[in-house]
Structures are given as structure tokens and as C-alpha cells.
Protein backbone atom coordinates (compact mmCIF):
# COMPACT_ATOMS: atom_id res chain seq x y z
CA MET A 1 -87.27 11.17 -5.52
CA PRO A 2 -86.75 9.53 -8.68
CA SER A 3 -89.26 9.73 -11.34
CA ALA A 4 -91.54 6.85 -12.43
CA ALA A 5 -89.75 6.48 -15.70
CA THR A 6 -86.41 6.06 -14.03
CA ILE A 7 -87.77 3.64 -11.72
CA ALA A 8 -89.35 1.62 -14.67
CA ARG A 9 -86.18 1.76 -16.76
CA VAL A 10 -83.78 0.61 -13.80
CA GLN A 11 -86.41 -2.21 -13.01
CA GLY A 12 -86.32 -3.28 -16.79
CA LEU A 13 -82.41 -3.31 -16.59
CA ILE A 14 -82.61 -5.62 -13.33
CA ASN A 15 -85.44 -7.85 -15.09
CA SER A 16 -83.45 -8.10 -18.54
CA SER A 17 -80.07 -8.93 -16.96
CA LYS A 18 -78.93 -12.24 -15.33
CA ILE A 19 -76.68 -10.20 -12.95
CA PHE A 20 -77.12 -6.41 -12.56
CA VAL A 21 -74.57 -4.46 -10.41
CA ALA A 22 -74.88 -0.72 -9.58
CA SER A 23 -71.31 0.22 -8.72
CA LYS A 24 -68.90 3.09 -8.59
CA THR A 25 -65.25 3.07 -10.01
CA TYR A 26 -63.71 4.45 -6.72
CA CYS A 27 -65.65 2.25 -4.40
CA PRO A 28 -63.33 -0.69 -2.86
CA TYR A 29 -66.42 -2.65 -1.97
CA CYS A 30 -67.76 -2.38 -5.39
CA GLN A 31 -64.28 -3.53 -6.79
CA ALA A 32 -64.48 -6.51 -4.49
CA THR A 33 -68.05 -7.61 -5.69
CA LEU A 34 -66.82 -7.25 -9.66
CA LYS A 35 -63.66 -9.35 -8.60
CA THR A 36 -65.71 -12.01 -6.89
CA LEU A 37 -67.96 -12.25 -9.72
CA PHE A 38 -65.91 -11.85 -12.86
CA GLU A 39 -62.51 -12.89 -11.79
CA GLU A 40 -63.01 -15.73 -9.16
CA LYS A 41 -66.45 -16.89 -10.42
CA LYS A 42 -65.61 -16.37 -14.03
CA VAL A 43 -69.07 -15.20 -14.84
CA ASP A 44 -69.31 -14.42 -18.33
CA LYS A 45 -69.68 -10.44 -18.54
CA LYS A 46 -71.89 -10.58 -21.18
CA LEU A 47 -74.76 -11.99 -18.95
CA ALA A 48 -74.13 -8.74 -16.68
CA THR A 49 -75.10 -5.26 -16.81
CA VAL A 50 -72.68 -3.20 -14.76
CA LEU A 51 -73.43 0.49 -14.31
CA GLN A 52 -70.62 2.84 -13.05
CA LEU A 53 -72.96 5.20 -11.48
CA ASN A 54 -70.30 7.78 -10.92
CA GLN A 55 -69.82 7.95 -14.62
CA LEU A 56 -73.42 8.29 -15.77
CA GLU A 57 -75.14 11.63 -16.17
CA ASP A 58 -78.29 10.12 -14.44
CA GLY A 59 -76.26 8.00 -11.93
CA SER A 60 -77.64 9.63 -8.84
CA ASP A 61 -81.10 9.19 -10.26
CA ILE A 62 -80.43 5.58 -10.77
CA GLN A 63 -79.16 5.15 -7.37
CA ASP A 64 -82.32 7.06 -6.04
CA ALA A 65 -84.51 4.52 -7.90
CA LEU A 66 -82.57 1.65 -6.57
CA ALA A 67 -83.17 2.92 -3.07
CA GLU A 68 -86.99 3.08 -3.81
CA ILE A 69 -86.89 -0.63 -5.28
CA THR A 70 -84.71 -1.96 -2.56
CA GLY A 71 -84.44 0.28 0.58
CA GLN A 72 -80.72 -0.10 -0.07
CA LYS A 73 -79.07 3.40 -0.56
CA THR A 74 -75.49 2.12 -0.96
CA VAL A 75 -73.33 0.67 -3.69
CA PRO A 76 -72.74 -2.02 -4.71
CA ASN A 77 -76.41 -2.88 -5.20
CA ILE A 78 -76.43 -6.32 -6.64
CA PHE A 79 -79.36 -8.48 -8.04
CA ILE A 80 -78.80 -12.24 -9.62
CA ASN A 81 -81.73 -13.67 -11.75
CA GLY A 82 -83.62 -10.54 -10.64
CA LYS A 83 -83.31 -11.19 -6.93
CA HIS A 84 -82.03 -8.36 -4.69
CA ILE A 85 -78.86 -9.84 -3.09
CA GLY A 86 -77.81 -6.72 -1.44
CA GLY A 87 -74.21 -5.25 -1.09
CA ASN A 88 -70.90 -6.67 -1.12
CA SER A 89 -70.93 -8.08 2.41
CA ASP A 90 -73.98 -10.07 1.43
CA LEU A 91 -72.46 -11.28 -1.79
CA GLN A 92 -69.28 -12.49 0.21
CA GLU A 93 -71.38 -14.10 2.82
CA LEU A 94 -73.32 -16.09 -0.03
CA ASN A 95 -69.73 -16.86 -1.45
CA ASN A 96 -68.51 -18.19 1.86
CA SER A 97 -71.63 -20.25 2.41
CA GLY A 98 -71.48 -21.91 -1.12
CA ASP A 99 -74.79 -20.38 -1.92
CA LEU A 100 -73.34 -18.02 -4.60
CA ASP A 101 -72.27 -20.94 -6.47
CA LYS A 102 -75.76 -22.28 -6.48
CA LEU A 103 -77.15 -19.06 -7.61
CA LEU A 104 -74.70 -18.62 -10.44
CA ALA A 105 -75.32 -22.31 -11.56
CA SER A 106 -78.80 -21.19 -12.78
CA LEU A 107 -77.71 -18.35 -14.82
């Protein structure tokens, strides 16, 4: 179980970032999410916080905190404007329906 301090820190990162993505460098779904956001949709990386959990000493604690906050245990774990989007399949569904463009327009 993650500490209250870790949960508060992760919640702070989510709230202070237009886009927050918890990712892992070796995860193909994470790579697809980052490609959609930054290559296809041309989101300015300065608006985003992307944490590569497998490269952080406390990455598993952060993933546990995200599971506590969202109920989602997997990566990528995506937030746009503080709203939990879900994982890559959720992001791609938003993209295919055109709703992702609406969300990104509000950045």
C-alpha cells in the first residue's frame, strides 16, 4: 500500500500537469499512447508530465499510488486536464471518435 505522501505527490503531479502519463519504456501500449499524443496530435511536451516508472527508484510506489487513486493497476495511466482517461485503448477510442481532439483543444 502506497504512503499518503506518495499518493499526495502523485495527485499533485496530476493536478499540475495538463497531461500526465505514467508509462514504462518497454511497454508497447505506452509507446502507442506517447506516439498518439506527441507525434500524431502534436501536443507540446512542455504541457505534459511523463513518468517512465521503470526508470524511477520509486516507480512501483507511484504505480501503487495510481492504482489507489484510479483503480487502474496497468500502464499507461493517462490524465488530461486532471481527468482520468484510462489506458491506451481508452485513449485510442477517444481518438477514433474525435473526442480526443476536443479534450486536447481545451489545453
